[in-house]
Amino acid sequence: MAKINILPAKVYNRIAAGEVVDRPYSVVKELVENAIDAGATEIEIYIEQGGKQLIRVVDNGSGIEREDLHSAFLPHATSKIEKADDLANVVTLRFRGEAVASIASVSKMTITSMVEGKKCYRLSSNGGEMGEITEAAGQKGTGVCVEMLFFNAPVRLNFLKKD
């Protein structure tokens, strides 16, 4: 019997999440840096139960196009670079394309976004399982709602301090 296993995406995404998202503060950090990179001049942060129950970051940045919303949740997806040569000229805070996929894999995550002059759309993920893109009410920019952080990774919850 083979001893080397090829892990399914659900498993390796949750393992990778531990590298990017070790505590609620790292979720806030990643989302705020994405908002800054999107040109936001206003960023609102809402926290419940020390971030374990809810982290919501709302910005007035450039927003995410409907056709890019699904891709935003995928591992190694980024709007910051296209090719290896771009790595020599990175001018953004975030560029690896790991944060959103990692956060989504260990939470119930919803992104609501509107590009100026276009309709607003929403997409949710439940532990990495994608829903459908739906039209939503909103304003220019992006709102990311992260609920029940580590709900499907209870060992991570054990390492968190009190709220």
Protein backbone atom coordinates (compact mmCIF):
# COMPACT_ATOMS: atom_id res chain seq x y z
CA MET A 1 0.00 0.00 0.00
CA ALA A 2 1.26 3.49 -0.85
CA LYS A 3 2.54 5.57 2.06
CA ILE A 4 2.62 8.89 0.27
CA ASN A 5 -0.79 10.46 -0.05
CA ILE A 6 -1.86 13.24 -2.37
CA LEU A 7 -4.07 15.42 -0.22
CA PRO A 8 -7.35 16.75 -1.57
CA ALA A 9 -7.75 20.52 -1.85
CA LYS A 10 -10.07 20.65 1.17
CA VAL A 11 -7.32 19.22 3.36
CA TYR A 12 -4.32 21.16 2.06
CA ASN A 13 -6.25 24.44 2.06
CA ARG A 14 -7.01 23.98 5.76
CA ILE A 15 -3.36 23.17 6.44
CA ALA A 16 -2.25 26.23 4.46
CA ALA A 17 -4.75 28.32 6.39
CA GLY A 18 -2.77 27.62 9.54
CA GLU A 19 0.25 29.27 7.93
CA VAL A 20 -1.63 32.43 6.90
CA VAL A 21 -4.40 32.63 9.51
CA ASP A 22 -3.20 31.71 12.96
CA ARG A 23 -5.38 34.12 14.97
CA PRO A 24 -8.22 36.57 14.34
CA TYR A 25 -5.75 39.47 14.16
CA SER A 26 -4.12 37.90 11.09
CA VAL A 27 -7.52 37.85 9.34
CA VAL A 28 -7.95 41.55 10.07
CA LYS A 29 -4.40 42.27 8.91
CA GLU A 30 -4.85 40.43 5.61
CA LEU A 31 -8.23 42.03 4.87
CA VAL A 32 -7.10 45.55 5.77
CA GLU A 33 -4.01 45.18 3.58
CA ASN A 34 -6.21 44.02 0.69
CA ALA A 35 -8.44 47.07 1.23
CA ILE A 36 -5.43 49.41 1.18
CA ASP A 37 -4.16 47.75 -2.00
CA ALA A 38 -7.61 48.31 -3.54
CA GLY A 39 -7.19 52.05 -2.99
CA ALA A 40 -9.53 52.38 -0.02
CA THR A 41 -9.51 55.71 1.80
CA GLU A 42 -12.01 54.51 4.41
CA ILE A 43 -11.92 51.14 6.15
CA GLU A 44 -14.36 50.02 8.85
CA ILE A 45 -13.65 47.01 11.05
CA TYR A 46 -16.24 45.21 13.15
CA ILE A 47 -15.31 42.48 15.64
CA GLU A 48 -17.41 40.18 17.81
CA GLN A 49 -16.09 37.79 20.47
CA GLY A 50 -12.48 38.70 19.81
CA GLY A 51 -12.93 37.89 16.11
CA LYS A 52 -13.93 34.27 16.66
CA GLN A 53 -17.60 34.94 15.96
CA LEU A 54 -17.33 37.84 13.47
CA ILE A 55 -14.77 39.91 11.63
CA ARG A 56 -16.15 42.33 9.06
CA VAL A 57 -13.97 44.68 7.05
CA VAL A 58 -15.72 47.20 4.80
CA ASP A 59 -13.85 49.52 2.45
CA ASN A 60 -14.49 52.09 -0.26
CA GLY A 61 -11.80 50.74 -2.58
CA SER A 62 -12.07 49.80 -6.23
CA GLY A 63 -14.24 46.73 -5.64
CA ILE A 64 -14.19 43.33 -7.31
CA GLU A 65 -15.84 42.73 -10.69
CA ARG A 66 -18.60 40.11 -10.79
CA GLU A 67 -16.54 37.89 -13.11
CA ASP A 68 -13.61 37.96 -10.65
CA LEU A 69 -15.61 37.29 -7.49
CA HIS A 70 -15.36 33.49 -7.65
CA SER A 71 -11.64 33.65 -8.47
CA ALA A 72 -11.03 35.84 -5.41
CA PHE A 73 -11.72 32.78 -3.24
CA LEU A 74 -9.33 30.46 -5.08
CA PRO A 75 -5.83 29.61 -3.84
CA HIS A 76 -3.00 31.37 -5.67
CA ALA A 77 -5.39 33.95 -7.10
CA THR A 78 -4.17 37.55 -7.06
CA SER A 79 -4.73 40.77 -8.95
CA LYS A 80 -1.29 42.07 -7.97
CA ILE A 81 1.02 40.02 -10.21
CA GLU A 82 0.74 38.11 -13.49
CA LYS A 83 4.19 36.65 -14.13
CA ALA A 84 7.42 35.87 -12.28
CA ASP A 85 9.07 39.09 -13.47
CA ASP A 86 6.41 41.06 -11.57
CA LEU A 87 7.90 39.81 -8.29
CA ALA A 88 10.83 42.19 -8.74
CA ASN A 89 8.48 45.19 -8.80
CA VAL A 90 5.81 44.45 -6.21
CA VAL A 91 4.44 47.72 -4.83
CA THR A 92 1.42 46.33 -2.97
CA LEU A 93 1.13 45.02 0.58
CA ARG A 94 -0.37 41.67 -0.44
CA PHE A 95 0.37 39.69 -3.57
CA ARG A 96 0.64 35.95 -2.89
CA GLY A 97 -3.02 35.06 -3.35
CA GLU A 98 -3.24 32.92 -0.23
CA ALA A 99 -5.20 34.98 2.28
CA VAL A 100 -8.79 34.86 1.04
CA ALA A 101 -8.66 31.16 0.15
CA SER A 102 -7.10 30.34 3.51
CA ILE A 103 -9.59 32.40 5.51
CA ALA A 104 -12.52 30.97 3.53
CA SER A 105 -11.37 27.40 4.18
CA VAL A 106 -11.66 27.83 7.97
CA SER A 107 -14.71 30.08 8.26
CA LYS A 108 -18.05 31.07 6.84
CA MET A 109 -17.00 33.94 4.59
CA THR A 110 -18.97 36.35 2.43
CA ILE A 111 -17.63 38.96 0.04
CA THR A 112 -19.97 41.71 -1.13
CA SER A 113 -18.46 44.03 -3.69
CA MET A 114 -19.31 46.77 -6.13
CA VAL A 115 -17.19 48.43 -8.78
CA GLU A 116 -18.18 52.05 -9.33
CA GLY A 117 -20.95 52.37 -11.90
CA LYS A 118 -21.83 48.66 -11.81
CA LYS A 119 -24.14 46.41 -9.81
CA CYS A 120 -23.20 44.99 -6.43
CA TYR A 121 -22.68 41.24 -6.05
CA ARG A 122 -22.19 38.80 -3.19
CA LEU A 123 -20.56 35.39 -2.93
CA SER A 124 -20.31 33.19 0.16
CA SER A 125 -18.17 30.25 1.13
CA ASN A 126 -18.84 27.79 3.93
CA GLY A 127 -15.54 26.21 4.90
CA GLY A 128 -14.33 26.54 1.32
CA GLU A 129 -17.56 25.30 -0.28
CA MET A 130 -18.65 28.03 -2.70
CA GLY A 131 -22.18 29.28 -3.07
CA GLU A 132 -23.66 31.15 -6.00
CA ILE A 133 -22.99 34.75 -6.97
CA THR A 134 -26.07 36.84 -6.23
CA GLU A 135 -26.98 40.46 -6.76
CA ALA A 136 -26.87 42.44 -3.51
CA ALA A 137 -27.37 45.91 -2.11
CA GLY A 138 -24.20 47.81 -1.48
CA GLN A 139 -21.97 50.72 -2.29
CA LYS A 140 -18.65 51.09 -4.10
CA GLY A 141 -15.99 48.99 -2.48
CA THR A 142 -15.87 45.64 -0.75
CA GLY A 143 -17.24 44.19 2.45
CA VAL A 144 -15.76 40.94 3.72
CA CYS A 145 -17.61 39.15 6.50
CA VAL A 146 -15.80 36.29 8.25
CA GLU A 147 -18.01 34.35 10.65
CA MET A 148 -17.28 31.42 12.94
CA LEU A 149 -13.51 31.45 12.43
CA PHE A 150 -12.04 27.95 12.79
CA PHE A 151 -15.51 26.34 13.07
CA ASN A 152 -14.20 23.37 11.09
CA ALA A 153 -10.73 23.33 12.64
CA PRO A 154 -11.42 22.94 16.37
CA VAL A 155 -7.78 22.26 17.19
CA ARG A 156 -7.04 25.86 16.11
CA LEU A 157 -9.73 27.17 18.47
CA ASN A 158 -7.95 25.47 21.36
CA PHE A 159 -4.86 27.61 20.76
CA LEU A 160 -6.73 30.92 20.83
CA LYS A 161 -6.70 33.08 23.91
CA LYS A 162 -9.84 34.42 25.56
CA ASP A 163 -11.90 36.99 23.68
